[in-house]
Amino acid sequence: MQSTLAAALQSAAGQDEGGGRTDEQLVWEVRASALLGAISTAYRQWATSPGSELSDLIAVAVEVVLPAVAIHPAPDNASPSDSRAD
């Protein structure tokens, strides 16, 4: 599901899905993962909170994570070692 969501997000952003760089694909997979995590958290909250509305919880969860998955250009040549302080 994560790969499908990543492709849907990429398509919704108007970016070409075919032949993308590996790091660009990673960015879309991370965005999809964040969104799926938020939905999963909302589901767990709903399952343990009698009387709660799943749709309301999902809406809140997506609103919280949306800034993190907002469509921004992927950093050029970014790698985990680039962001570490020496």
C-alpha atoms as a PDB file:
ATOM      1  CA  MET A   1       0.000   0.000   0.000  1.00  0.00           C
ATOM      2  CA  GLN A   2       2.877   2.376   0.776  1.00  0.00           C
ATOM      3  CA  SER A   3       4.255   2.212  -2.768  1.00  0.00           C
ATOM      4  CA  THR A   4       0.797   2.767  -4.228  1.00  0.00           C
ATOM      5  CA  LEU A   5       0.227   5.775  -1.980  1.00  0.00           C
ATOM      6  CA  ALA A   6       3.696   7.123  -2.803  1.00  0.00           C
ATOM      7  CA  ALA A   7       2.923   6.893  -6.522  1.00  0.00           C
ATOM      8  CA  ALA A   8      -0.462   8.582  -5.981  1.00  0.00           C
ATOM      9  CA  LEU A   9       1.123  11.439  -4.017  1.00  0.00           C
ATOM     10  CA  GLN A  10       3.787  11.871  -6.674  1.00  0.00           C
ATOM     11  CA  SER A  11       1.184  11.883  -9.423  1.00  0.00           C
ATOM     12  CA  ALA A  12      -0.984  14.378  -7.507  1.00  0.00           C
ATOM     13  CA  ALA A  13       2.051  16.634  -7.263  1.00  0.00           C
ATOM     14  CA  GLY A  14       2.304  16.544 -11.041  1.00  0.00           C
ATOM     15  CA  GLN A  15       5.687  14.860 -11.002  1.00  0.00           C
ATOM     16  CA  ASP A  16       6.687  12.133 -13.407  1.00  0.00           C
ATOM     17  CA  GLU A  17       6.598   8.701 -11.776  1.00  0.00           C
ATOM     18  CA  GLY A  18       8.658   6.880 -14.353  1.00  0.00           C
ATOM     19  CA  GLY A  19      12.434   6.703 -14.283  1.00  0.00           C
ATOM     20  CA  GLY A  20      12.816   8.704 -11.088  1.00  0.00           C
ATOM     21  CA  ARG A  21      16.036   8.758  -9.132  1.00  0.00           C
ATOM     22  CA  THR A  22      16.343   6.413  -6.196  1.00  0.00           C
ATOM     23  CA  ASP A  23      16.549   9.294  -3.697  1.00  0.00           C
ATOM     24  CA  GLU A  24      13.440  10.883  -5.226  1.00  0.00           C
ATOM     25  CA  GLN A  25      11.570   7.591  -4.853  1.00  0.00           C
ATOM     26  CA  LEU A  26      12.714   7.435  -1.232  1.00  0.00           C
ATOM     27  CA  VAL A  27      11.261  10.891  -0.576  1.00  0.00           C
ATOM     28  CA  TRP A  28       7.842   9.799  -1.863  1.00  0.00           C
ATOM     29  CA  GLU A  29       8.004   6.524   0.098  1.00  0.00           C
ATOM     30  CA  VAL A  30       8.797   8.450   3.299  1.00  0.00           C
ATOM     31  CA  ARG A  31       5.907  10.829   2.680  1.00  0.00           C
ATOM     32  CA  ALA A  32       3.553   7.897   2.130  1.00  0.00           C
ATOM     33  CA  SER A  33       4.865   6.170   5.245  1.00  0.00           C
ATOM     34  CA  ALA A  34       4.230   9.260   7.363  1.00  0.00           C
ATOM     35  CA  LEU A  35       0.680   9.505   6.083  1.00  0.00           C
ATOM     36  CA  LEU A  36       0.008   5.802   6.664  1.00  0.00           C
ATOM     37  CA  GLY A  37       1.462   6.087  10.165  1.00  0.00           C
ATOM     38  CA  ALA A  38      -0.896   8.930  10.981  1.00  0.00           C
ATOM     39  CA  ILE A  39      -3.887   6.944   9.732  1.00  0.00           C
ATOM     40  CA  SER A  40      -2.756   3.877  11.672  1.00  0.00           C
ATOM     41  CA  THR A  41      -2.422   5.934  14.848  1.00  0.00           C
ATOM     42  CA  ALA A  42      -5.924   7.335  14.352  1.00  0.00           C
ATOM     43  CA  TYR A  43      -7.264   3.806  13.910  1.00  0.00           C
ATOM     44  CA  ARG A  44      -5.599   2.617  17.135  1.00  0.00           C
ATOM     45  CA  GLN A  45      -7.045   5.608  18.993  1.00  0.00           C
ATOM     46  CA  TRP A  46     -10.504   4.847  17.598  1.00  0.00           C
ATOM     47  CA  ALA A  47     -10.239   1.162  18.548  1.00  0.00           C
ATOM     48  CA  THR A  48      -9.460   2.022  22.160  1.00  0.00           C
ATOM     49  CA  SER A  49     -11.800   5.013  22.596  1.00  0.00           C
ATOM     50  CA  PRO A  50     -15.461   4.040  22.864  1.00  0.00           C
ATOM     51  CA  GLY A  51     -17.739   6.560  21.204  1.00  0.00           C
ATOM     52  CA  SER A  52     -15.046   8.133  19.062  1.00  0.00           C
ATOM     53  CA  GLU A  53     -15.552   8.716  15.362  1.00  0.00           C
ATOM     54  CA  LEU A  54     -12.933   7.157  13.103  1.00  0.00           C
ATOM     55  CA  SER A  55     -13.420   9.752  10.373  1.00  0.00           C
ATOM     56  CA  ASP A  56     -12.821  12.594  12.851  1.00  0.00           C
ATOM     57  CA  LEU A  57      -9.672  10.966  14.199  1.00  0.00           C
ATOM     58  CA  ILE A  58      -8.306  10.328  10.712  1.00  0.00           C
ATOM     59  CA  ALA A  59      -9.016  13.932   9.741  1.00  0.00           C
ATOM     60  CA  VAL A  60      -7.054  15.194  12.767  1.00  0.00           C
ATOM     61  CA  ALA A  61      -4.184  12.771  12.131  1.00  0.00           C
ATOM     62  CA  VAL A  62      -3.892  13.755   8.484  1.00  0.00           C
ATOM     63  CA  GLU A  63      -4.024  17.466   9.363  1.00  0.00           C
ATOM     64  CA  VAL A  64      -1.182  16.969  11.837  1.00  0.00           C
ATOM     65  CA  VAL A  65       1.075  15.113   9.415  1.00  0.00           C
ATOM     66  CA  LEU A  66       0.147  17.049   6.281  1.00  0.00           C
ATOM     67  CA  PRO A  67       2.831  19.729   6.725  1.00  0.00           C
ATOM     68  CA  ALA A  68       5.444  16.962   6.815  1.00  0.00           C
ATOM     69  CA  VAL A  69       4.225  15.415   3.575  1.00  0.00           C
ATOM     70  CA  ALA A  70       3.490  18.708   1.829  1.00  0.00           C
ATOM     71  CA  ILE A  71       4.885  18.792  -1.645  1.00  0.00           C
ATOM     72  CA  HIS A  72       8.331  20.351  -1.563  1.00  0.00           C
ATOM     73  CA  PRO A  73      11.199  19.598  -3.886  1.00  0.00           C
ATOM     74  CA  ALA A  74      13.420  16.782  -2.673  1.00  0.00           C
ATOM     75  CA  PRO A  75      16.810  17.971  -1.516  1.00  0.00           C
ATOM     76  CA  ASP A  76      19.456  17.580  -4.212  1.00  0.00           C
ATOM     77  CA  ASN A  77      22.138  15.029  -3.454  1.00  0.00           C
ATOM     78  CA  ALA A  78      20.889  14.623   0.109  1.00  0.00           C
ATOM     79  CA  SER A  79      22.227  11.714   2.072  1.00  0.00           C
ATOM     80  CA  PRO A  80      22.003  10.847   5.759  1.00  0.00           C
ATOM     81  CA  SER A  81      25.651  11.812   6.291  1.00  0.00           C
ATOM     82  CA  ASP A  82      24.983  15.319   4.931  1.00  0.00           C
ATOM     83  CA  SER A  83      22.722  16.199   7.839  1.00  0.00           C
ATOM     84  CA  ARG A  84      24.936  14.922  10.677  1.00  0.00           C
ATOM     85  CA  ALA A  85      26.956  17.346  12.715  1.00  0.00           C
ATOM     86  CA  ASP A  86      30.630  16.470  13.081  1.00  0.00           C
END
